[in-house]
Amino acid sequence: MFALSNLDSRPLQVSVKCEPDLAEQLRLTHPAIKPGYHLNKRHWNTITLDGSLPDATVFEMLEDSYDLVVAGLPRAKRQAVRAAGAD
């Protein structure tokens, strides 16, 4: 799992995995980024999608989260995921 969201929440929020040092830096820089709600706060951030963050920042955080999760998979699963993404 690389992202988690309650689709009924308003404003919409999404939690993503993040490198611990970057997670803390992002929280200090952006009020819309908080420690992961009900998650390991060292590795997860919750982003409030209230329009205050540029879309590019949100997409980059989602992509980084996905990459972190894929990198943590066993080699065979990681290769299968990467092969499926090449289609």
PDB file of N, CA and C in Angstrom:
ATOM      1  N   MET A   1       0.847  -1.163   0.000  1.00  0.00           N
ATOM      2  CA  MET A   1       0.000   0.000   0.000  1.00  0.00           C
ATOM      3  C   MET A   1       0.901   1.238   0.000  1.00  0.00           C
ATOM      4  N   PHE A   2       0.666   2.126  -0.936  1.00  0.00           N
ATOM      5  CA  PHE A   2       1.488   3.328  -1.003  1.00  0.00           C
ATOM      6  C   PHE A   2       0.674   4.594  -0.740  1.00  0.00           C
ATOM      7  N   ALA A   3      -0.660   4.478  -0.738  1.00  0.00           N
ATOM      8  CA  ALA A   3      -1.515   5.634  -0.468  1.00  0.00           C
ATOM      9  C   ALA A   3      -2.801   5.151   0.180  1.00  0.00           C
ATOM     10  N   LEU A   4      -3.325   5.979   1.065  1.00  0.00           N
ATOM     11  CA  LEU A   4      -4.528   5.638   1.810  1.00  0.00           C
ATOM     12  C   LEU A   4      -5.378   6.892   1.915  1.00  0.00           C
ATOM     13  N   SER A   5      -6.690   6.738   1.640  1.00  0.00           N
ATOM     14  CA  SER A   5      -7.576   7.898   1.697  1.00  0.00           C
ATOM     15  C   SER A   5      -8.981   7.480   2.088  1.00  0.00           C
ATOM     16  N   ASN A   6      -9.651   8.354   2.823  1.00  0.00           N
ATOM     17  CA  ASN A   6     -11.072   8.223   3.070  1.00  0.00           C
ATOM     18  C   ASN A   6     -11.733   9.118   2.029  1.00  0.00           C
ATOM     19  N   LEU A   7     -12.316   8.511   1.010  1.00  0.00           N
ATOM     20  CA  LEU A   7     -12.847   9.282  -0.111  1.00  0.00           C
ATOM     21  C   LEU A   7     -14.048  10.133   0.256  1.00  0.00           C
ATOM     22  N   ASP A   8     -14.620   9.912   1.445  1.00  0.00           N
ATOM     23  CA  ASP A   8     -15.758  10.721   1.896  1.00  0.00           C
ATOM     24  C   ASP A   8     -15.331  11.944   2.698  1.00  0.00           C
ATOM     25  N   SER A   9     -14.048  12.056   3.019  1.00  0.00           N
ATOM     26  CA  SER A   9     -13.604  13.191   3.844  1.00  0.00           C
ATOM     27  C   SER A   9     -13.605  14.478   3.027  1.00  0.00           C
ATOM     28  N   ARG A  10     -13.929  15.565   3.695  1.00  0.00           N
ATOM     29  CA  ARG A  10     -13.913  16.889   3.071  1.00  0.00           C
ATOM     30  C   ARG A  10     -13.199  17.846   4.000  1.00  0.00           C
ATOM     31  N   PRO A  11     -12.127  18.507   3.611  1.00  0.00           N
ATOM     32  CA  PRO A  11     -11.477  18.323   2.330  1.00  0.00           C
ATOM     33  C   PRO A  11     -10.835  16.934   2.252  1.00  0.00           C
ATOM     34  N   LEU A  12     -10.632  16.469   1.039  1.00  0.00           N
ATOM     35  CA  LEU A  12     -10.040  15.166   0.813  1.00  0.00           C
ATOM     36  C   LEU A  12      -8.625  15.147   1.385  1.00  0.00           C
ATOM     37  N   GLN A  13      -8.276  14.036   2.009  1.00  0.00           N
ATOM     38  CA  GLN A  13      -6.924  13.832   2.526  1.00  0.00           C
ATOM     39  C   GLN A  13      -6.399  12.522   1.988  1.00  0.00           C
ATOM     40  N   VAL A  14      -5.095  12.463   1.777  1.00  0.00           N
ATOM     41  CA  VAL A  14      -4.450  11.234   1.340  1.00  0.00           C
ATOM     42  C   VAL A  14      -3.153  11.080   2.143  1.00  0.00           C
ATOM     43  N   SER A  15      -2.917   9.860   2.611  1.00  0.00           N
ATOM     44  CA  SER A  15      -1.688   9.568   3.345  1.00  0.00           C
ATOM     45  C   SER A  15      -0.739   8.818   2.425  1.00  0.00           C
ATOM     46  N   VAL A  16       0.526   9.231   2.441  1.00  0.00           N
ATOM     47  CA  VAL A  16       1.538   8.637   1.582  1.00  0.00           C
ATOM     48  C   VAL A  16       2.797   8.336   2.385  1.00  0.00           C
ATOM     49  N   LYS A  17       3.510   7.322   1.931  1.00  0.00           N
ATOM     50  CA  LYS A  17       4.779   6.954   2.560  1.00  0.00           C
ATOM     51  C   LYS A  17       5.850   7.961   2.132  1.00  0.00           C
ATOM     52  N   CYS A  18       6.833   8.182   3.008  1.00  0.00           N
ATOM     53  CA  CYS A  18       7.847   9.195   2.726  1.00  0.00           C
ATOM     54  C   CYS A  18       9.128   8.858   3.479  1.00  0.00           C
ATOM     55  N   GLU A  19      10.257   9.229   2.912  1.00  0.00           N
ATOM     56  CA  GLU A  19      11.527   9.108   3.629  1.00  0.00           C
ATOM     57  C   GLU A  19      11.431   9.951   4.900  1.00  0.00           C
ATOM     58  N   PRO A  20      11.872   9.436   6.050  1.00  0.00           N
ATOM     59  CA  PRO A  20      11.678  10.153   7.316  1.00  0.00           C
ATOM     60  C   PRO A  20      12.193  11.587   7.352  1.00  0.00           C
ATOM     61  N   ASP A  21      13.381  11.837   6.838  1.00  0.00           N
ATOM     62  CA  ASP A  21      13.920  13.204   6.883  1.00  0.00           C
ATOM     63  C   ASP A  21      13.109  14.147   5.985  1.00  0.00           C
ATOM     64  N   LEU A  22      12.741  13.664   4.819  1.00  0.00           N
ATOM     65  CA  LEU A  22      11.933  14.474   3.907  1.00  0.00           C
ATOM     66  C   LEU A  22      10.540  14.693   4.484  1.00  0.00           C
ATOM     67  N   ALA A  23       9.978  13.669   5.113  1.00  0.00           N
ATOM     68  CA  ALA A  23       8.641  13.793   5.713  1.00  0.00           C
ATOM     69  C   ALA A  23       8.610  14.947   6.705  1.00  0.00           C
ATOM     70  N   GLU A  24       9.609  15.009   7.551  1.00  0.00           N
ATOM     71  CA  GLU A  24       9.663  16.077   8.547  1.00  0.00           C
ATOM     72  C   GLU A  24       9.849  17.442   7.900  1.00  0.00           C
ATOM     73  N   GLN A  25      10.705  17.507   6.897  1.00  0.00           N
ATOM     74  CA  GLN A  25      10.944  18.774   6.198  1.00  0.00           C
ATOM     75  C   GLN A  25       9.657  19.270   5.520  1.00  0.00           C
ATOM     76  N   LEU A  26       8.932  18.376   4.877  1.00  0.00           N
ATOM     77  CA  LEU A  26       7.687  18.764   4.207  1.00  0.00           C
ATOM     78  C   LEU A  26       6.657  19.286   5.206  1.00  0.00           C
ATOM     79  N   ARG A  27       6.586  18.662   6.380  1.00  0.00           N
ATOM     80  CA  ARG A  27       5.643  19.104   7.419  1.00  0.00           C
ATOM     81  C   ARG A  27       5.970  20.514   7.901  1.00  0.00           C
ATOM     82  N   LEU A  28       7.260  20.803   7.999  1.00  0.00           N
ATOM     83  CA  LEU A  28       7.672  22.133   8.457  1.00  0.00           C
ATOM     84  C   LEU A  28       7.424  23.201   7.396  1.00  0.00           C
ATOM     85  N   THR A  29       7.448  22.803   6.141  1.00  0.00           N
ATOM     86  CA  THR A  29       7.328  23.740   5.024  1.00  0.00           C
ATOM     87  C   THR A  29       5.888  23.997   4.607  1.00  0.00           C
ATOM     88  N   HIS A  30       5.022  22.994   4.736  1.00  0.00           N
ATOM     89  CA  HIS A  30       3.658  23.086   4.207  1.00  0.00           C
ATOM     90  C   HIS A  30       2.624  22.776   5.294  1.00  0.00           C
ATOM     91  N   PRO A  31       1.784  23.721   5.655  1.00  0.00           N
ATOM     92  CA  PRO A  31       0.744  23.483   6.667  1.00  0.00           C
ATOM     93  C   PRO A  31      -0.237  22.376   6.286  1.00  0.00           C
ATOM     94  N   ALA A  32      -0.392  22.081   4.992  1.00  0.00           N
ATOM     95  CA  ALA A  32      -1.332  21.045   4.547  1.00  0.00           C
ATOM     96  C   ALA A  32      -0.760  19.632   4.682  1.00  0.00           C
ATOM     97  N   ILE A  33       0.497  19.526   5.118  1.00  0.00           N
ATOM     98  CA  ILE A  33       1.128  18.216   5.293  1.00  0.00           C
ATOM     99  C   ILE A  33       1.364  17.995   6.781  1.00  0.00           C
ATOM    100  N   LYS A  34       0.772  16.928   7.284  1.00  0.00           N
ATOM    101  CA  LYS A  34       0.842  16.586   8.708  1.00  0.00           C
ATOM    102  C   LYS A  34       1.381  15.164   8.855  1.00  0.00           C
ATOM    103  N   PRO A  35       1.797  14.786  10.073  1.00  0.00           N
ATOM    104  CA  PRO A  35       2.187  13.387  10.297  1.00  0.00           C
ATOM    105  C   PRO A  35       1.022  12.459   9.938  1.00  0.00           C
ATOM    106  N   GLY A  36       1.354  11.275   9.458  1.00  0.00           N
ATOM    107  CA  GLY A  36       0.341  10.319   9.026  1.00  0.00           C
ATOM    108  C   GLY A  36      -0.706  10.036  10.089  1.00  0.00           C
ATOM    109  N   TYR A  37      -1.962  10.209   9.741  1.00  0.00           N
ATOM    110  CA  TYR A  37      -3.077  10.001  10.651  1.00  0.00           C
ATOM    111  C   TYR A  37      -3.260   8.510  10.889  1.00  0.00           C
ATOM    112  N   HIS A  38      -3.116   8.072  12.125  1.00  0.00           N
ATOM    113  CA  HIS A  38      -3.215   6.663  12.527  1.00  0.00           C
ATOM    114  C   HIS A  38      -2.212   5.774  11.804  1.00  0.00           C
ATOM    115  N   LEU A  39      -1.059   6.325  11.444  1.00  0.00           N
ATOM    116  CA  LEU A  39      -0.005   5.580  10.764  1.00  0.00           C
ATOM    117  C   LEU A  39       1.320   5.869  11.457  1.00  0.00           C
ATOM    118  N   ASN A  40       2.356   5.149  11.071  1.00  0.00           N
ATOM    119  CA  ASN A  40       3.689   5.400  11.610  1.00  0.00           C
ATOM    120  C   ASN A  40       4.123   6.799  11.181  1.00  0.00           C
ATOM    121  N   LYS A  41       4.146   7.713  12.121  1.00  0.00           N
ATOM    122  CA  LYS A  41       4.385   9.128  11.812  1.00  0.00           C
ATOM    123  C   LYS A  41       5.799   9.403  11.318  1.00  0.00           C
ATOM    124  N   ARG A  42       6.693   8.490  11.519  1.00  0.00           N
ATOM    125  CA  ARG A  42       8.059   8.652  11.013  1.00  0.00           C
ATOM    126  C   ARG A  42       8.097   8.449   9.494  1.00  0.00           C
ATOM    127  N   HIS A  43       7.242   7.565   8.978  1.00  0.00           N
ATOM    128  CA  HIS A  43       7.306   7.181   7.571  1.00  0.00           C
ATOM    129  C   HIS A  43       6.111   7.625   6.722  1.00  0.00           C
ATOM    130  N   TRP A  44       5.091   8.204   7.346  1.00  0.00           N
ATOM    131  CA  TRP A  44       3.879   8.554   6.602  1.00  0.00           C
ATOM    132  C   TRP A  44       3.473   9.999   6.850  1.00  0.00           C
ATOM    133  N   ASN A  45       3.025  10.662   5.790  1.00  0.00           N
ATOM    134  CA  ASN A  45       2.459  12.008   5.866  1.00  0.00           C
ATOM    135  C   ASN A  45       1.020  11.968   5.375  1.00  0.00           C
ATOM    136  N   THR A  46       0.180  12.776   5.986  1.00  0.00           N
ATOM    137  CA  THR A  46      -1.181  12.964   5.498  1.00  0.00           C
ATOM    138  C   THR A  46      -1.259  14.346   4.864  1.00  0.00           C
ATOM    139  N   ILE A  47      -1.691  14.358   3.612  1.00  0.00           N
ATOM    140  CA  ILE A  47      -1.789  15.591   2.838  1.00  0.00           C
ATOM    141  C   ILE A  47      -3.256  16.002   2.782  1.00  0.00           C
ATOM    142  N   THR A  48      -3.551  17.230   3.172  1.00  0.00           N
ATOM    143  CA  THR A  48      -4.898  17.768   3.006  1.00  0.00           C
ATOM    144  C   THR A  48      -4.947  18.455   1.648  1.00  0.00           C
ATOM    145  N   LEU A  49      -5.831  17.961   0.792  1.00  0.00           N
ATOM    146  CA  LEU A  49      -5.937  18.489  -0.572  1.00  0.00           C
ATOM    147  C   LEU A  49      -6.915  19.662  -0.587  1.00  0.00           C
ATOM    148  N   ASP A  50      -6.432  20.790  -0.075  1.00  0.00           N
ATOM    149  CA  ASP A  50      -7.260  21.993   0.050  1.00  0.00           C
ATOM    150  C   ASP A  50      -6.894  23.065  -0.970  1.00  0.00           C
ATOM    151  N   GLY A  51      -6.031  22.714  -1.922  1.00  0.00           N
ATOM    152  CA  GLY A  51      -5.613  23.662  -2.951  1.00  0.00           C
ATOM    153  C   GLY A  51      -4.380  24.469  -2.593  1.00  0.00           C
ATOM    154  N   SER A  52      -3.864  24.318  -1.383  1.00  0.00           N
ATOM    155  CA  SER A  52      -2.703  25.108  -0.976  1.00  0.00           C
ATOM    156  C   SER A  52      -1.382  24.543  -1.499  1.00  0.00           C
ATOM    157  N   LEU A  53      -1.372  23.272  -1.879  1.00  0.00           N
ATOM    158  CA  LEU A  53      -0.170  22.654  -2.440  1.00  0.00           C
ATOM    159  C   LEU A  53      -0.297  22.584  -3.957  1.00  0.00           C
ATOM    160  N   PRO A  54       0.783  22.861  -4.677  1.00  0.00           N
ATOM    161  CA  PRO A  54       0.733  22.686  -6.131  1.00  0.00           C
ATOM    162  C   PRO A  54       0.470  21.218  -6.478  1.00  0.00           C
ATOM    163  N   ASP A  55      -0.290  20.993  -7.545  1.00  0.00           N
ATOM    164  CA  ASP A  55      -0.568  19.625  -7.981  1.00  0.00           C
ATOM    165  C   ASP A  55       0.724  18.842  -8.179  1.00  0.00           C
ATOM    166  N   ALA A  56       1.736  19.479  -8.726  1.00  0.00           N
ATOM    167  CA  ALA A  56       3.008  18.801  -8.985  1.00  0.00           C
ATOM    168  C   ALA A  56       3.619  18.252  -7.696  1.00  0.00           C
ATOM    169  N   THR A  57       3.489  18.964  -6.593  1.00  0.00           N
ATOM    170  CA  THR A  57       4.011  18.506  -5.305  1.00  0.00           C
ATOM    171  C   THR A  57       3.266  17.266  -4.849  1.00  0.00           C
ATOM    172  N   VAL A  58       1.953  17.279  -4.973  1.00  0.00           N
ATOM    173  CA  VAL A  58       1.137  16.128  -4.569  1.00  0.00           C
ATOM    174  C   VAL A  58       1.485  14.917  -5.434  1.00  0.00           C
ATOM    175  N   PHE A  59       1.562  15.105  -6.753  1.00  0.00           N
ATOM    176  CA  PHE A  59       1.890  13.998  -7.650  1.00  0.00           C
ATOM    177  C   PHE A  59       3.279  13.442  -7.351  1.00  0.00           C
ATOM    178  N   GLU A  60       4.222  14.324  -7.051  1.00  0.00           N
ATOM    179  CA  GLU A  60       5.582  13.884  -6.728  1.00  0.00           C
ATOM    180  C   GLU A  60       5.588  13.059  -5.445  1.00  0.00           C
ATOM    181  N   MET A  61       4.810  13.483  -4.450  1.00  0.00           N
ATOM    182  CA  MET A  61       4.746  12.736  -3.196  1.00  0.00           C
ATOM    183  C   MET A  61       4.106  11.363  -3.409  1.00  0.00           C
ATOM    184  N   LEU A  62       3.087  11.298  -4.253  1.00  0.00           N
ATOM    185  CA  LEU A  62       2.457  10.009  -4.577  1.00  0.00           C
ATOM    186  C   LEU A  62       3.449   9.090  -5.293  1.00  0.00           C
ATOM    187  N   GLU A  63       4.161   9.646  -6.255  1.00  0.00           N
ATOM    188  CA  GLU A  63       5.133   8.849  -7.003  1.00  0.00           C
ATOM    189  C   GLU A  63       6.262   8.363  -6.095  1.00  0.00           C
ATOM    190  N   ASP A  64       6.762   9.235  -5.231  1.00  0.00           N
ATOM    191  CA  ASP A  64       7.817   8.843  -4.291  1.00  0.00           C
ATOM    192  C   ASP A  64       7.333   7.727  -3.366  1.00  0.00           C
ATOM    193  N   SER A  65       6.085   7.832  -2.900  1.00  0.00           N
ATOM    194  CA  SER A  65       5.514   6.809  -2.029  1.00  0.00           C
ATOM    195  C   SER A  65       5.459   5.468  -2.752  1.00  0.00           C
ATOM    196  N   TYR A  66       4.971   5.476  -3.972  1.00  0.00           N
ATOM    197  CA  TYR A  66       4.891   4.255  -4.775  1.00  0.00           C
ATOM    198  C   TYR A  66       6.288   3.649  -4.942  1.00  0.00           C
ATOM    199  N   ASP A  67       7.261   4.478  -5.300  1.00  0.00           N
ATOM    200  CA  ASP A  67       8.629   3.994  -5.503  1.00  0.00           C
ATOM    201  C   ASP A  67       9.209   3.386  -4.236  1.00  0.00           C
ATOM    202  N   LEU A  68       8.944   3.990  -3.076  1.00  0.00           N
ATOM    203  CA  LEU A  68       9.434   3.444  -1.807  1.00  0.00           C
ATOM    204  C   LEU A  68       8.843   2.067  -1.536  1.00  0.00           C
ATOM    205  N   VAL A  69       7.559   1.919  -1.790  1.00  0.00           N
ATOM    206  CA  VAL A  69       6.900   0.636  -1.532  1.00  0.00           C
ATOM    207  C   VAL A  69       7.413  -0.428  -2.504  1.00  0.00           C
ATOM    208  N   VAL A  70       7.522  -0.093  -3.765  1.00  0.00           N
ATOM    209  CA  VAL A  70       8.022  -1.055  -4.747  1.00  0.00           C
ATOM    210  C   VAL A  70       9.459  -1.459  -4.411  1.00  0.00           C
ATOM    211  N   ALA A  71      10.285  -0.518  -4.010  1.00  0.00           N
ATOM    212  CA  ALA A  71      11.676  -0.818  -3.665  1.00  0.00           C
ATOM    213  C   ALA A  71      11.774  -1.776  -2.477  1.00  0.00           C
ATOM    214  N   GLY A  72      10.758  -1.797  -1.621  1.00  0.00           N
ATOM    215  CA  GLY A  72      10.774  -2.675  -0.455  1.00  0.00           C
ATOM    216  C   GLY A  72      10.237  -4.074  -0.719  1.00  0.00           C
ATOM    217  N   LEU A  73       9.741  -4.331  -1.929  1.00  0.00           N
ATOM    218  CA  LEU A  73       9.223  -5.646  -2.263  1.00  0.00           C
ATOM    219  C   LEU A  73      10.358  -6.639  -2.509  1.00  0.00           C
ATOM    220  N   PRO A  74      10.084  -7.927  -2.330  1.00  0.00           N
ATOM    221  CA  PRO A  74      11.082  -8.934  -2.731  1.00  0.00           C
ATOM    222  C   PRO A  74      11.390  -8.782  -4.229  1.00  0.00           C
ATOM    223  N   ARG A  75      12.578  -9.161  -4.627  1.00  0.00           N
ATOM    224  CA  ARG A  75      13.041  -8.916  -5.995  1.00  0.00           C
ATOM    225  C   ARG A  75      12.072  -9.441  -7.062  1.00  0.00           C
ATOM    226  N   ALA A  76      11.552 -10.653  -6.917  1.00  0.00           N
ATOM    227  CA  ALA A  76      10.654 -11.219  -7.930  1.00  0.00           C
ATOM    228  C   ALA A  76       9.383 -10.381  -8.070  1.00  0.00           C
ATOM    229  N   LYS A  77       8.818  -9.951  -6.949  1.00  0.00           N
ATOM    230  CA  LYS A  77       7.608  -9.127  -7.005  1.00  0.00           C
ATOM    231  C   LYS A  77       7.920  -7.753  -7.573  1.00  0.00           C
ATOM    232  N   ARG A  78       9.073  -7.214  -7.192  1.00  0.00           N
ATOM    233  CA  ARG A  78       9.484  -5.898  -7.700  1.00  0.00           C
ATOM    234  C   ARG A  78       9.637  -5.939  -9.215  1.00  0.00           C
ATOM    235  N   GLN A  79      10.255  -6.998  -9.720  1.00  0.00           N
ATOM    236  CA  GLN A  79      10.438  -7.144 -11.167  1.00  0.00           C
ATOM    237  C   GLN A  79       9.099  -7.313 -11.873  1.00  0.00           C
ATOM    238  N   ALA A  80       8.183  -8.054 -11.259  1.00  0.00           N
ATOM    239  CA  ALA A  80       6.844  -8.248 -11.848  1.00  0.00           C
ATOM    240  C   ALA A  80       6.086  -6.918 -11.917  1.00  0.00           C
ATOM    241  N   VAL A  81       6.182  -6.120 -10.869  1.00  0.00           N
ATOM    242  CA  VAL A  81       5.502  -4.818 -10.859  1.00  0.00           C
ATOM    243  C   VAL A  81       6.091  -3.924 -11.936  1.00  0.00           C
ATOM    244  N   ARG A  82       7.394  -3.898 -12.031  1.00  0.00           N
ATOM    245  CA  ARG A  82       8.044  -3.046 -13.038  1.00  0.00           C
ATOM    246  C   ARG A  82       7.708  -3.527 -14.447  1.00  0.00           C
ATOM    247  N   ALA A  83       7.658  -4.838 -14.660  1.00  0.00           N
ATOM    248  CA  ALA A  83       7.308  -5.376 -15.982  1.00  0.00           C
ATOM    249  C   ALA A  83       5.871  -5.021 -16.332  1.00  0.00           C
ATOM    250  N   ALA A  84       4.968  -5.092 -15.372  1.00  0.00           N
ATOM    251  CA  ALA A  84       3.572  -4.750 -15.625  1.00  0.00           C
ATOM    252  C   ALA A  84       3.429  -3.272 -15.964  1.00  0.00           C
ATOM    253  N   GLY A  85       4.251  -2.430 -15.371  1.00  0.00           N
ATOM    254  CA  GLY A  85       4.199  -0.997 -15.635  1.00  0.00           C
ATOM    255  C   GLY A  85       4.758  -0.631 -17.000  1.00  0.00           C
ATOM    256  N   ALA A  86       5.527  -1.527 -17.617  1.00  0.00           N
ATOM    257  CA  ALA A  86       6.113  -1.240 -18.926  1.00  0.00           C
ATOM    258  C   ALA A  86       5.125  -1.437 -20.048  1.00  0.00           C
ATOM    259  N   ASP A  87       3.974  -2.069 -19.770  1.00  0.00           N
ATOM    260  CA  ASP A  87       2.960  -2.322 -20.804  1.00  0.00           C
ATOM    261  C   ASP A  87       2.280  -1.063 -21.247  1.00  0.00           C
TER     262      ASP A  87
END
